[in-house]
């Protein structure tokens, strides 16, 4: 399992039965202990008390916020391309706009860059 799939694991966790959640949590904790994955688990109380510090730490590793020992939230650093990827993957409107533009491109409905720049300057 790679680090990229772990946020998905925790998303899936919220829809699974309790016994499945426990086994996934144990497996993930084992991976963290073996340093296969860089992440830290923090309780809600600790997150509340040390929020600024936790945000700084999220630049180095993912932070899982737990409540009563169960994962509830993920804090990941969002910088540069990561932020752009996040916006695209979480915005239906942006995805639809990109899909529409791609379809237009496949149909040959494109304009040269110079024409685009001229139109953009007029607005």
PDB file of N, CA and C in Angstrom:
ATOM      1  N   UNK A   1       0.850  -1.178   0.000  1.00  0.00           N
ATOM      2  CA  UNK A   1       0.000   0.000   0.000  1.00  0.00           C
ATOM      3  C   UNK A   1       0.892   1.236   0.000  1.00  0.00           C
ATOM      4  N   UNK A   2       0.595   2.206  -0.837  1.00  0.00           N
ATOM      5  CA  UNK A   2       1.406   3.406  -0.904  1.00  0.00           C
ATOM      6  C   UNK A   2       0.756   4.531  -0.114  1.00  0.00           C
ATOM      7  N   UNK A   3       1.537   5.552   0.143  1.00  0.00           N
ATOM      8  CA  UNK A   3       1.032   6.706   0.897  1.00  0.00           C
ATOM      9  C   UNK A   3      -0.145   7.352   0.169  1.00  0.00           C
ATOM     10  N   UNK A   4      -0.143   7.294  -1.157  1.00  0.00           N
ATOM     11  CA  UNK A   4      -1.219   7.929  -1.908  1.00  0.00           C
ATOM     12  C   UNK A   4      -2.570   7.277  -1.660  1.00  0.00           C
ATOM     13  N   UNK A   5      -2.557   5.997  -1.340  1.00  0.00           N
ATOM     14  CA  UNK A   5      -3.837   5.326  -1.128  1.00  0.00           C
ATOM     15  C   UNK A   5      -4.355   5.473   0.298  1.00  0.00           C
ATOM     16  N   UNK A   6      -3.525   5.908   1.217  1.00  0.00           N
ATOM     17  CA  UNK A   6      -3.972   5.983   2.607  1.00  0.00           C
ATOM     18  C   UNK A   6      -5.113   6.952   2.844  1.00  0.00           C
ATOM     19  N   UNK A   7      -5.123   8.146   2.254  1.00  0.00           N
ATOM     20  CA  UNK A   7      -6.306   8.981   2.469  1.00  0.00           C
ATOM     21  C   UNK A   7      -7.582   8.278   2.015  1.00  0.00           C
ATOM     22  N   UNK A   8      -7.510   7.509   0.942  1.00  0.00           N
ATOM     23  CA  UNK A   8      -8.651   6.733   0.490  1.00  0.00           C
ATOM     24  C   UNK A   8      -9.063   5.681   1.496  1.00  0.00           C
ATOM     25  N   UNK A   9      -8.083   5.070   2.136  1.00  0.00           N
ATOM     26  CA  UNK A   9      -8.382   4.072   3.158  1.00  0.00           C
ATOM     27  C   UNK A   9      -9.191   4.711   4.269  1.00  0.00           C
ATOM     28  N   UNK A  10      -8.790   5.891   4.709  1.00  0.00           N
ATOM     29  CA  UNK A  10      -9.510   6.528   5.801  1.00  0.00           C
ATOM     30  C   UNK A  10     -10.869   7.032   5.345  1.00  0.00           C
ATOM     31  N   UNK A  11     -11.020   7.349   4.074  1.00  0.00           N
ATOM     32  CA  UNK A  11     -12.341   7.700   3.559  1.00  0.00           C
ATOM     33  C   UNK A  11     -13.237   6.478   3.602  1.00  0.00           C
ATOM     34  N   UNK A  12     -12.710   5.341   3.193  1.00  0.00           N
ATOM     35  CA  UNK A  12     -13.474   4.094   3.192  1.00  0.00           C
ATOM     36  C   UNK A  12     -13.812   3.677   4.622  1.00  0.00           C
ATOM     37  N   UNK A  13     -12.896   3.916   5.541  1.00  0.00           N
ATOM     38  CA  UNK A  13     -13.117   3.538   6.929  1.00  0.00           C
ATOM     39  C   UNK A  13     -14.443   4.068   7.448  1.00  0.00           C
ATOM     40  N   UNK A  14     -14.795   5.279   7.081  1.00  0.00           N
ATOM     41  CA  UNK A  14     -16.008   5.865   7.623  1.00  0.00           C
ATOM     42  C   UNK A  14     -17.272   5.146   7.162  1.00  0.00           C
ATOM     43  N   UNK A  15     -17.185   4.307   6.126  1.00  0.00           N
ATOM     44  CA  UNK A  15     -18.367   3.611   5.629  1.00  0.00           C
ATOM     45  C   UNK A  15     -18.380   2.123   5.992  1.00  0.00           C
ATOM     46  N   UNK A  16     -17.341   1.649   6.684  1.00  0.00           N
ATOM     47  CA  UNK A  16     -17.250   0.232   7.013  1.00  0.00           C
ATOM     48  C   UNK A  16     -17.812  -0.058   8.409  1.00  0.00           C
ATOM     49  N   UNK A  17     -18.056  -1.344   8.659  1.00  0.00           N
ATOM     50  CA  UNK A  17     -18.507  -1.765   9.973  1.00  0.00           C
ATOM     51  C   UNK A  17     -17.348  -1.662  10.965  1.00  0.00           C
ATOM     52  N   UNK A  18     -17.670  -1.598  12.248  1.00  0.00           N
ATOM     53  CA  UNK A  18     -16.670  -1.374  13.296  1.00  0.00           C
ATOM     54  C   UNK A  18     -15.551  -2.408  13.268  1.00  0.00           C
ATOM     55  N   UNK A  19     -15.849  -3.703  13.105  1.00  0.00           N
ATOM     56  CA  UNK A  19     -14.794  -4.720  13.120  1.00  0.00           C
ATOM     57  C   UNK A  19     -13.822  -4.528  11.957  1.00  0.00           C
ATOM     58  N   UNK A  20     -14.307  -4.099  10.808  1.00  0.00           N
ATOM     59  CA  UNK A  20     -13.437  -3.818   9.660  1.00  0.00           C
ATOM     60  C   UNK A  20     -12.579  -2.587   9.934  1.00  0.00           C
ATOM     61  N   UNK A  21     -13.177  -1.574  10.562  1.00  0.00           N
ATOM     62  CA  UNK A  21     -12.441  -0.359  10.882  1.00  0.00           C
ATOM     63  C   UNK A  21     -11.267  -0.691  11.793  1.00  0.00           C
ATOM     64  N   UNK A  22     -11.516  -1.494  12.830  1.00  0.00           N
ATOM     65  CA  UNK A  22     -10.455  -1.858  13.766  1.00  0.00           C
ATOM     66  C   UNK A  22      -9.300  -2.549  13.060  1.00  0.00           C
ATOM     67  N   UNK A  23      -9.592  -3.473  12.144  1.00  0.00           N
ATOM     68  CA  UNK A  23      -8.508  -4.180  11.459  1.00  0.00           C
ATOM     69  C   UNK A  23      -7.724  -3.256  10.535  1.00  0.00           C
ATOM     70  N   UNK A  24      -8.408  -2.321   9.884  1.00  0.00           N
ATOM     71  CA  UNK A  24      -7.716  -1.361   9.012  1.00  0.00           C
ATOM     72  C   UNK A  24      -6.847  -0.430   9.848  1.00  0.00           C
ATOM     73  N   UNK A  25      -7.369   0.020  10.986  1.00  0.00           N
ATOM     74  CA  UNK A  25      -6.585   0.902  11.861  1.00  0.00           C
ATOM     75  C   UNK A  25      -5.339   0.173  12.355  1.00  0.00           C
ATOM     76  N   UNK A  26      -5.500  -1.070  12.793  1.00  0.00           N
ATOM     77  CA  UNK A  26      -4.346  -1.838  13.287  1.00  0.00           C
ATOM     78  C   UNK A  26      -3.308  -2.025  12.180  1.00  0.00           C
ATOM     79  N   UNK A  27      -3.754  -2.340  10.972  1.00  0.00           N
ATOM     80  CA  UNK A  27      -2.833  -2.515   9.855  1.00  0.00           C
ATOM     81  C   UNK A  27      -2.089  -1.215   9.566  1.00  0.00           C
ATOM     82  N   UNK A  28      -2.797  -0.107   9.578  1.00  0.00           N
ATOM     83  CA  UNK A  28      -2.186   1.191   9.290  1.00  0.00           C
ATOM     84  C   UNK A  28      -1.194   1.571  10.376  1.00  0.00           C
ATOM     85  N   UNK A  29      -1.560   1.360  11.634  1.00  0.00           N
ATOM     86  CA  UNK A  29      -0.652   1.662  12.742  1.00  0.00           C
ATOM     87  C   UNK A  29       0.610   0.816  12.627  1.00  0.00           C
ATOM     88  N   UNK A  30       0.469  -0.462  12.260  1.00  0.00           N
ATOM     89  CA  UNK A  30       1.643  -1.318  12.048  1.00  0.00           C
ATOM     90  C   UNK A  30       2.547  -0.752  10.957  1.00  0.00           C
ATOM     91  N   UNK A  31       1.954  -0.273   9.871  1.00  0.00           N
ATOM     92  CA  UNK A  31       2.740   0.303   8.781  1.00  0.00           C
ATOM     93  C   UNK A  31       3.480   1.552   9.255  1.00  0.00           C
ATOM     94  N   UNK A  32       2.812   2.366  10.069  1.00  0.00           N
ATOM     95  CA  UNK A  32       3.442   3.586  10.589  1.00  0.00           C
ATOM     96  C   UNK A  32       4.607   3.220  11.495  1.00  0.00           C
ATOM     97  N   UNK A  33       4.389   2.232  12.365  1.00  0.00           N
ATOM     98  CA  UNK A  33       5.455   1.802  13.280  1.00  0.00           C
ATOM     99  C   UNK A  33       6.667   1.284  12.518  1.00  0.00           C
ATOM    100  N   UNK A  34       6.435   0.616  11.411  1.00  0.00           N
ATOM    101  CA  UNK A  34       7.533   0.094  10.586  1.00  0.00           C
ATOM    102  C   UNK A  34       8.137   1.184   9.705  1.00  0.00           C
ATOM    103  N   UNK A  35       7.600   2.404   9.816  1.00  0.00           N
ATOM    104  CA  UNK A  35       8.049   3.563   9.047  1.00  0.00           C
ATOM    105  C   UNK A  35       7.880   3.370   7.540  1.00  0.00           C
ATOM    106  N   UNK A  36       6.881   2.560   7.157  1.00  0.00           N
ATOM    107  CA  UNK A  36       6.548   2.427   5.742  1.00  0.00           C
ATOM    108  C   UNK A  36       5.761   3.646   5.281  1.00  0.00           C
ATOM    109  N   UNK A  37       5.151   4.326   6.233  1.00  0.00           N
ATOM    110  CA  UNK A  37       4.316   5.470   5.933  1.00  0.00           C
ATOM    111  C   UNK A  37       4.648   6.562   6.944  1.00  0.00           C
ATOM    112  N   UNK A  38       4.744   7.810   6.474  1.00  0.00           N
ATOM    113  CA  UNK A  38       5.022   8.932   7.377  1.00  0.00           C
ATOM    114  C   UNK A  38       3.696   9.596   7.757  1.00  0.00           C
ATOM    115  N   UNK A  39       3.221   9.300   8.959  1.00  0.00           N
ATOM    116  CA  UNK A  39       2.030   9.965   9.461  1.00  0.00           C
ATOM    117  C   UNK A  39       2.028   9.923  10.974  1.00  0.00           C
ATOM    118  N   UNK A  40       1.241  10.796  11.526  1.00  0.00           N
ATOM    119  CA  UNK A  40       1.152  10.909  12.980  1.00  0.00           C
ATOM    120  C   UNK A  40      -0.314  10.892  13.374  1.00  0.00           C
ATOM    121  N   UNK A  41      -0.621  10.228  14.489  1.00  0.00           N
ATOM    122  CA  UNK A  41      -1.977  10.194  15.020  1.00  0.00           C
ATOM    123  C   UNK A  41      -2.064  11.147  16.204  1.00  0.00           C
ATOM    124  N   UNK A  42      -3.102  11.993  16.216  1.00  0.00           N
ATOM    125  CA  UNK A  42      -3.275  13.006  17.255  1.00  0.00           C
ATOM    126  C   UNK A  42      -4.740  13.005  17.682  1.00  0.00           C
ATOM    127  N   UNK A  43      -4.977  13.078  18.979  1.00  0.00           N
ATOM    128  CA  UNK A  43      -6.353  13.142  19.468  1.00  0.00           C
ATOM    129  C   UNK A  43      -6.946  14.520  19.199  1.00  0.00           C
ATOM    130  N   UNK A  44      -8.268  14.599  19.248  1.00  0.00           N
ATOM    131  CA  UNK A  44      -8.954  15.878  19.051  1.00  0.00           C
ATOM    132  C   UNK A  44      -8.475  16.891  20.094  1.00  0.00           C
ATOM    133  N   UNK A  45      -8.338  16.458  21.343  1.00  0.00           N
ATOM    134  CA  UNK A  45      -7.912  17.366  22.417  1.00  0.00           C
ATOM    135  C   UNK A  45      -6.515  17.926  22.134  1.00  0.00           C
ATOM    136  N   UNK A  46      -5.598  17.051  21.717  1.00  0.00           N
ATOM    137  CA  UNK A  46      -4.241  17.512  21.400  1.00  0.00           C
ATOM    138  C   UNK A  46      -4.240  18.428  20.186  1.00  0.00           C
ATOM    139  N   UNK A  47      -5.051  18.099  19.188  1.00  0.00           N
ATOM    140  CA  UNK A  47      -5.133  18.931  17.982  1.00  0.00           C
ATOM    141  C   UNK A  47      -5.641  20.326  18.341  1.00  0.00           C
ATOM    142  N   UNK A  48      -6.612  20.384  19.227  1.00  0.00           N
ATOM    143  CA  UNK A  48      -7.165  21.673  19.647  1.00  0.00           C
ATOM    144  C   UNK A  48      -6.110  22.492  20.394  1.00  0.00           C
ATOM    145  N   UNK A  49      -5.357  21.833  21.263  1.00  0.00           N
ATOM    146  CA  UNK A  49      -4.361  22.530  22.080  1.00  0.00           C
ATOM    147  C   UNK A  49      -3.128  22.954  21.281  1.00  0.00           C
ATOM    148  N   UNK A  50      -2.773  22.198  20.256  1.00  0.00           N
ATOM    149  CA  UNK A  50      -1.516  22.437  19.531  1.00  0.00           C
ATOM    150  C   UNK A  50      -1.741  22.629  18.035  1.00  0.00           C
ATOM    151  N   UNK A  51      -2.814  23.291  17.648  1.00  0.00           N
ATOM    152  CA  UNK A  51      -3.188  23.345  16.240  1.00  0.00           C
ATOM    153  C   UNK A  51      -2.097  23.951  15.347  1.00  0.00           C
ATOM    154  N   UNK A  52      -1.509  25.056  15.743  1.00  0.00           N
ATOM    155  CA  UNK A  52      -0.462  25.690  14.924  1.00  0.00           C
ATOM    156  C   UNK A  52       0.727  24.754  14.720  1.00  0.00           C
ATOM    157  N   UNK A  53       1.138  24.087  15.792  1.00  0.00           N
ATOM    158  CA  UNK A  53       2.253  23.145  15.708  1.00  0.00           C
ATOM    159  C   UNK A  53       1.915  21.981  14.770  1.00  0.00           C
ATOM    160  N   UNK A  54       0.696  21.499  14.875  1.00  0.00           N
ATOM    161  CA  UNK A  54       0.270  20.377  14.031  1.00  0.00           C
ATOM    162  C   UNK A  54       0.243  20.794  12.560  1.00  0.00           C
ATOM    163  N   UNK A  55      -0.202  22.009  12.273  1.00  0.00           N
ATOM    164  CA  UNK A  55      -0.177  22.489  10.885  1.00  0.00           C
ATOM    165  C   UNK A  55       1.248  22.523  10.343  1.00  0.00           C
ATOM    166  N   UNK A  56       2.202  22.983  11.171  1.00  0.00           N
ATOM    167  CA  UNK A  56       3.606  22.982  10.723  1.00  0.00           C
ATOM    168  C   UNK A  56       4.101  21.561  10.472  1.00  0.00           C
ATOM    169  N   UNK A  57       3.748  20.640  11.350  1.00  0.00           N
ATOM    170  CA  UNK A  57       4.168  19.246  11.205  1.00  0.00           C
ATOM    171  C   UNK A  57       3.580  18.603   9.957  1.00  0.00           C
ATOM    172  N   UNK A  58       2.412  19.077   9.527  1.00  0.00           N
ATOM    173  CA  UNK A  58       1.758  18.468   8.359  1.00  0.00           C
ATOM    174  C   UNK A  58       2.561  18.692   7.078  1.00  0.00           C
ATOM    175  N   UNK A  59       3.527  19.615   7.100  1.00  0.00           N
ATOM    176  CA  UNK A  59       4.403  19.804   5.939  1.00  0.00           C
ATOM    177  C   UNK A  59       5.349  18.614   5.776  1.00  0.00           C
ATOM    178  N   UNK A  60       5.642  17.924   6.892  1.00  0.00           N
ATOM    179  CA  UNK A  60       6.573  16.791   6.863  1.00  0.00           C
ATOM    180  C   UNK A  60       5.866  15.445   6.799  1.00  0.00           C
ATOM    181  N   UNK A  61       4.676  15.372   7.397  1.00  0.00           N
ATOM    182  CA  UNK A  61       3.955  14.108   7.443  1.00  0.00           C
ATOM    183  C   UNK A  61       2.460  14.363   7.580  1.00  0.00           C
ATOM    184  N   UNK A  62       1.666  13.397   7.153  1.00  0.00           N
ATOM    185  CA  UNK A  62       0.217  13.504   7.302  1.00  0.00           C
ATOM    186  C   UNK A  62      -0.143  13.378   8.781  1.00  0.00           C
ATOM    187  N   UNK A  63      -1.193  14.076   9.181  1.00  0.00           N
ATOM    188  CA  UNK A  63      -1.659  14.036  10.567  1.00  0.00           C
ATOM    189  C   UNK A  63      -3.091  13.491  10.557  1.00  0.00           C
ATOM    190  N   UNK A  64      -3.313  12.419  11.298  1.00  0.00           N
ATOM    191  CA  UNK A  64      -4.643  11.829  11.440  1.00  0.00           C
ATOM    192  C   UNK A  64      -5.200  12.270  12.784  1.00  0.00           C
ATOM    193  N   UNK A  65      -6.346  12.936  12.759  1.00  0.00           N
ATOM    194  CA  UNK A  65      -7.010  13.364  13.993  1.00  0.00           C
ATOM    195  C   UNK A  65      -7.972  12.247  14.405  1.00  0.00           C
ATOM    196  N   UNK A  66      -7.856  11.812  15.652  1.00  0.00           N
ATOM    197  CA  UNK A  66      -8.699  10.718  16.136  1.00  0.00           C
ATOM    198  C   UNK A  66      -9.638  11.202  17.239  1.00  0.00           C
ATOM    199  N   UNK A  67     -10.767  10.547  17.330  1.00  0.00           N
ATOM    200  CA  UNK A  67     -11.711  10.767  18.412  1.00  0.00           C
ATOM    201  C   UNK A  67     -12.068   9.405  18.978  1.00  0.00           C
ATOM    202  N   UNK A  68     -11.792   9.232  20.254  1.00  0.00           N
ATOM    203  CA  UNK A  68     -11.998   7.934  20.917  1.00  0.00           C
ATOM    204  C   UNK A  68     -11.255   6.813  20.182  1.00  0.00           C
ATOM    205  N   UNK A  69     -10.065   7.156  19.675  1.00  0.00           N
ATOM    206  CA  UNK A  69      -9.213   6.166  19.025  1.00  0.00           C
ATOM    207  C   UNK A  69      -9.558   5.861  17.577  1.00  0.00           C
ATOM    208  N   UNK A  70     -10.574   6.493  17.047  1.00  0.00           N
ATOM    209  CA  UNK A  70     -10.991   6.252  15.662  1.00  0.00           C
ATOM    210  C   UNK A  70     -10.616   7.450  14.793  1.00  0.00           C
ATOM    211  N   UNK A  71     -10.118   7.212  13.583  1.00  0.00           N
ATOM    212  CA  UNK A  71      -9.751   8.331  12.700  1.00  0.00           C
ATOM    213  C   UNK A  71     -10.983   9.122  12.280  1.00  0.00           C
ATOM    214  N   UNK A  72     -10.872  10.457  12.363  1.00  0.00           N
ATOM    215  CA  UNK A  72     -11.999  11.329  12.008  1.00  0.00           C
ATOM    216  C   UNK A  72     -11.634  12.348  10.942  1.00  0.00           C
ATOM    217  N   UNK A  73     -10.354  12.721  10.857  1.00  0.00           N
ATOM    218  CA  UNK A  73      -9.956  13.741   9.893  1.00  0.00           C
ATOM    219  C   UNK A  73      -8.493  13.554   9.516  1.00  0.00           C
ATOM    220  N   UNK A  74      -8.153  14.080   8.365  1.00  0.00           N
ATOM    221  CA  UNK A  74      -6.786  14.021   7.852  1.00  0.00           C
ATOM    222  C   UNK A  74      -6.313  15.440   7.583  1.00  0.00           C
ATOM    223  N   UNK A  75      -5.137  15.781   8.096  1.00  0.00           N
ATOM    224  CA  UNK A  75      -4.535  17.073   7.788  1.00  0.00           C
ATOM    225  C   UNK A  75      -3.306  16.791   6.930  1.00  0.00           C
ATOM    226  N   UNK A  76      -3.328  17.333   5.709  1.00  0.00           N
ATOM    227  CA  UNK A  76      -2.210  17.189   4.773  1.00  0.00           C
ATOM    228  C   UNK A  76      -1.795  18.570   4.313  1.00  0.00           C
ATOM    229  N   UNK A  77      -0.530  18.710   4.061  1.00  0.00           N
ATOM    230  CA  UNK A  77      -0.035  19.961   3.515  1.00  0.00           C
ATOM    231  C   UNK A  77      -0.574  20.133   2.097  1.00  0.00           C
ATOM    232  N   UNK A  78      -1.034  21.332   1.784  1.00  0.00           N
ATOM    233  CA  UNK A  78      -1.529  21.634   0.439  1.00  0.00           C
ATOM    234  C   UNK A  78      -0.743  22.819  -0.101  1.00  0.00           C
ATOM    235  N   UNK A  79       0.266  22.526  -0.883  1.00  0.00           N
ATOM    236  CA  UNK A  79       1.085  23.582  -1.456  1.00  0.00           C
ATOM    237  C   UNK A  79       1.255  23.329  -2.940  1.00  0.00           C
ATOM    238  N   UNK A  80       1.313  24.398  -3.700  1.00  0.00           N
ATOM    239  CA  UNK A  80       1.593  24.304  -5.131  1.00  0.00           C
ATOM    240  C   UNK A  80       0.656  23.389  -5.871  1.00  0.00           C
ATOM    241  N   UNK A  81       1.223  22.413  -6.560  1.00  0.00           N
ATOM    242  CA  UNK A  81       0.441  21.487  -7.383  1.00  0.00           C
ATOM    243  C   UNK A  81      -0.511  20.641  -6.556  1.00  0.00           C
ATOM    244  N   UNK A  82      -0.147  20.338  -5.314  1.00  0.00           N
ATOM    245  CA  UNK A  82      -1.047  19.565  -4.453  1.00  0.00           C
ATOM    246  C   UNK A  82      -2.369  20.306  -4.272  1.00  0.00           C
ATOM    247  N   UNK A  83      -2.298  21.624  -4.087  1.00  0.00           N
ATOM    248  CA  UNK A  83      -3.508  22.418  -3.912  1.00  0.00           C
ATOM    249  C   UNK A  83      -4.343  22.418  -5.186  1.00  0.00           C
ATOM    250  N   UNK A  84      -3.668  22.563  -6.336  1.00  0.00           N
ATOM    251  CA  UNK A  84      -4.388  22.536  -7.613  1.00  0.00           C
ATOM    252  C   UNK A  84      -5.069  21.190  -7.817  1.00  0.00           C
ATOM    253  N   UNK A  85      -4.360  20.097  -7.537  1.00  0.00           N
ATOM    254  CA  UNK A  85      -4.938  18.760  -7.666  1.00  0.00           C
ATOM    255  C   UNK A  85      -6.145  18.595  -6.743  1.00  0.00           C
ATOM    256  N   UNK A  86      -6.033  19.119  -5.523  1.00  0.00           N
ATOM    257  CA  UNK A  86      -7.135  19.030  -4.565  1.00  0.00           C
ATOM    258  C   UNK A  86      -8.367  19.760  -5.095  1.00  0.00           C
ATOM    259  N   UNK A  87      -8.160  20.976  -5.603  1.00  0.00           N
ATOM    260  CA  UNK A  87      -9.294  21.748  -6.132  1.00  0.00           C
ATOM    261  C   UNK A  87      -9.970  21.023  -7.285  1.00  0.00           C
ATOM    262  N   UNK A  88      -9.173  20.498  -8.190  1.00  0.00           N
ATOM    263  CA  UNK A  88      -9.734  19.807  -9.348  1.00  0.00           C
ATOM    264  C   UNK A  88     -10.500  18.561  -8.904  1.00  0.00           C
ATOM    265  N   UNK A  89      -9.922  17.791  -8.006  1.00  0.00           N
ATOM    266  CA  UNK A  89     -10.569  16.539  -7.611  1.00  0.00           C
ATOM    267  C   UNK A  89     -11.796  16.750  -6.730  1.00  0.00           C
ATOM    268  N   UNK A  90     -11.926  17.909  -6.094  1.00  0.00           N
ATOM    269  CA  UNK A  90     -13.050  18.149  -5.197  1.00  0.00           C
ATOM    270  C   UNK A  90     -14.079  19.139  -5.734  1.00  0.00           C
ATOM    271  N   UNK A  91     -13.871  19.654  -6.919  1.00  0.00           N
ATOM    272  CA  UNK A  91     -14.815  20.612  -7.481  1.00  0.00           C
ATOM    273  C   UNK A  91     -15.473  20.035  -8.730  1.00  0.00           C
ATOM    274  N   UNK A  92     -16.753  19.726  -8.608  1.00  0.00           N
ATOM    275  CA  UNK A  92     -17.500  19.183  -9.740  1.00  0.00           C
ATOM    276  C   UNK A  92     -17.504  20.174 -10.897  1.00  0.00           C
ATOM    277  N   UNK A  93     -17.662  21.439 -10.577  1.00  0.00           N
ATOM    278  CA  UNK A  93     -17.731  22.474 -11.602  1.00  0.00           C
ATOM    279  C   UNK A  93     -16.419  22.563 -12.410  1.00  0.00           C
ATOM    280  N   UNK A  94     -15.290  22.516 -11.723  1.00  0.00           N
ATOM    281  CA  UNK A  94     -13.992  22.570 -12.417  1.00  0.00           C
ATOM    282  C   UNK A  94     -13.808  21.336 -13.285  1.00  0.00           C
ATOM    283  N   UNK A  95     -14.118  20.149 -12.734  1.00  0.00           N
ATOM    284  CA  UNK A  95     -13.978  18.908 -13.520  1.00  0.00           C
ATOM    285  C   UNK A  95     -14.845  18.956 -14.770  1.00  0.00           C
ATOM    286  N   UNK A  96     -16.096  19.422 -14.626  1.00  0.00           N
ATOM    287  CA  UNK A  96     -16.998  19.508 -15.781  1.00  0.00           C
ATOM    288  C   UNK A  96     -16.460  20.485 -16.824  1.00  0.00           C
ATOM    289  N   UNK A  97     -15.896  21.591 -16.387  1.00  0.00           N
ATOM    290  CA  UNK A  97     -15.321  22.575 -17.301  1.00  0.00           C
ATOM    291  C   UNK A  97     -14.141  21.983 -18.078  1.00  0.00           C
ATOM    292  N   UNK A  98     -13.294  21.238 -17.379  1.00  0.00           N
ATOM    293  CA  UNK A  98     -12.149  20.599 -18.037  1.00  0.00           C
ATOM    294  C   UNK A  98     -12.635  19.549 -19.034  1.00  0.00           C
ATOM    295  N   UNK A  99     -13.618  18.730 -18.628  1.00  0.00           N
ATOM    296  CA  UNK A  99     -14.159  17.704 -19.527  1.00  0.00           C
ATOM    297  C   UNK A  99     -14.777  18.334 -20.772  1.00  0.00           C
ATOM    298  N   UNK A 100     -15.515  19.433 -20.607  1.00  0.00           N
ATOM    299  CA  UNK A 100     -16.125  20.131 -21.743  1.00  0.00           C
ATOM    300  C   UNK A 100     -15.040  20.657 -22.686  1.00  0.00           C
ATOM    301  N   UNK A 101     -14.010  21.272 -22.115  1.00  0.00           N
ATOM    302  CA  UNK A 101     -12.916  21.807 -22.939  1.00  0.00           C
ATOM    303  C   UNK A 101     -12.204  20.686 -23.693  1.00  0.00           C
ATOM    304  N   UNK A 102     -12.015  19.541 -23.038  1.00  0.00           N
ATOM    305  CA  UNK A 102     -11.356  18.404 -23.687  1.00  0.00           C
ATOM    306  C   UNK A 102     -12.194  17.887 -24.853  1.00  0.00           C
ATOM    307  N   UNK A 103     -13.498  17.790 -24.659  1.00  0.00           N
ATOM    308  CA  UNK A 103     -14.391  17.344 -25.734  1.00  0.00           C
ATOM    309  C   UNK A 103     -14.335  18.316 -26.914  1.00  0.00           C
ATOM    310  N   UNK A 104     -14.346  19.624 -26.631  1.00  0.00           N
ATOM    311  CA  UNK A 104     -14.237  20.628 -27.692  1.00  0.00           C
ATOM    312  C   UNK A 104     -12.913  20.481 -28.439  1.00  0.00           C
ATOM    313  N   UNK A 105     -11.867  20.226 -27.719  1.00  0.00           N
ATOM    314  CA  UNK A 105     -10.541  20.043 -28.331  1.00  0.00           C
ATOM    315  C   UNK A 105     -10.538  18.818 -29.247  1.00  0.00           C
ATOM    316  N   UNK A 106     -11.141  17.720 -28.784  1.00  0.00           N
ATOM    317  CA  UNK A 106     -11.191  16.499 -29.608  1.00  0.00           C
ATOM    318  C   UNK A 106     -11.999  16.718 -30.885  1.00  0.00           C
ATOM    319  N   UNK A 107     -12.997  17.619 -30.833  1.00  0.00           N
ATOM    320  CA  UNK A 107     -13.796  17.920 -32.022  1.00  0.00           C
ATOM    321  C   UNK A 107     -13.116  18.953 -32.928  1.00  0.00           C
ATOM    322  N   UNK A 108     -11.947  19.444 -32.504  1.00  0.00           N
ATOM    323  CA  UNK A 108     -11.232  20.436 -33.296  1.00  0.00           C
ATOM    324  C   UNK A 108     -11.701  21.858 -33.074  1.00  0.00           C
ATOM    325  N   UNK A 109     -12.506  22.066 -32.056  1.00  0.00           N
ATOM    326  CA  UNK A 109     -13.031  23.399 -31.759  1.00  0.00           C
ATOM    327  C   UNK A 109     -12.027  24.164 -30.890  1.00  0.00           C
ATOM    328  N   UNK A 110     -10.907  24.543 -31.517  1.00  0.00           N
ATOM    329  CA  UNK A 110      -9.839  25.240 -30.804  1.00  0.00           C
ATOM    330  C   UNK A 110      -9.504  26.536 -31.525  1.00  0.00           C
ATOM    331  N   UNK A 111      -8.846  27.443 -30.805  1.00  0.00           N
ATOM    332  CA  UNK A 111      -8.372  28.667 -31.445  1.00  0.00           C
ATOM    333  C   UNK A 111      -6.877  28.790 -31.160  1.00  0.00           C
ATOM    334  N   UNK A 112      -6.144  29.429 -32.042  1.00  0.00           N
ATOM    335  CA  UNK A 112      -4.695  29.611 -31.799  1.00  0.00           C
ATOM    336  C   UNK A 112      -4.461  30.444 -30.535  1.00  0.00           C
ATOM    337  N   UNK A 113      -3.344  30.242 -29.889  1.00  0.00           N
ATOM    338  CA  UNK A 113      -3.011  30.964 -28.672  1.00  0.00           C
ATOM    339  C   UNK A 113      -3.040  32.474 -28.876  1.00  0.00           C
ATOM    340  N   UNK A 114      -2.535  32.922 -30.017  1.00  0.00           N
ATOM    341  CA  UNK A 114      -2.503  34.359 -30.287  1.00  0.00           C
ATOM    342  C   UNK A 114      -3.912  34.955 -30.269  1.00  0.00           C
ATOM    343  N   UNK A 115      -4.869  34.245 -30.855  1.00  0.00           N
ATOM    344  CA  UNK A 115      -6.262  34.712 -30.867  1.00  0.00           C
ATOM    345  C   UNK A 115      -6.819  34.738 -29.441  1.00  0.00           C
ATOM    346  N   UNK A 116      -6.521  33.721 -28.673  1.00  0.00           N
ATOM    347  CA  UNK A 116      -6.972  33.674 -27.277  1.00  0.00           C
ATOM    348  C   UNK A 116      -6.433  34.874 -26.512  1.00  0.00           C
ATOM    349  N   UNK A 117      -5.142  35.174 -26.694  1.00  0.00           N
ATOM    350  CA  UNK A 117      -4.513  36.291 -25.986  1.00  0.00           C
ATOM    351  C   UNK A 117      -5.161  37.621 -26.403  1.00  0.00           C
ATOM    352  N   UNK A 118      -5.471  37.780 -27.697  1.00  0.00           N
ATOM    353  CA  UNK A 118      -6.134  39.000 -28.157  1.00  0.00           C
ATOM    354  C   UNK A 118      -7.499  39.163 -27.492  1.00  0.00           C
ATOM    355  N   UNK A 119      -8.242  38.076 -27.425  1.00  0.00           N
ATOM    356  CA  UNK A 119      -9.580  38.123 -26.805  1.00  0.00           C
ATOM    357  C   UNK A 119      -9.477  38.422 -25.320  1.00  0.00           C
ATOM    358  N   UNK A 120      -8.476  37.848 -24.670  1.00  0.00           N
ATOM    359  CA  UNK A 120      -8.303  38.055 -23.223  1.00  0.00           C
ATOM    360  C   UNK A 120      -7.943  39.507 -22.918  1.00  0.00           C
ATOM    361  N   UNK A 121      -7.174  40.138 -23.775  1.00  0.00           N
ATOM    362  CA  UNK A 121      -6.774  41.533 -23.559  1.00  0.00           C
ATOM    363  C   UNK A 121      -7.964  42.476 -23.689  1.00  0.00           C
ATOM    364  N   UNK A 122      -8.911  42.125 -24.549  1.00  0.00           N
ATOM    365  CA  UNK A 122     -10.101  42.975 -24.761  1.00  0.00           C
ATOM    366  C   UNK A 122     -11.006  43.001 -23.538  1.00  0.00           C
ATOM    367  N   UNK A 123     -10.995  41.957 -22.760  1.00  0.00           N
ATOM    368  CA  UNK A 123     -11.924  41.866 -21.617  1.00  0.00           C
ATOM    369  C   UNK A 123     -11.455  42.589 -20.429  1.00  0.00           C
TER     370      UNK A 123
END
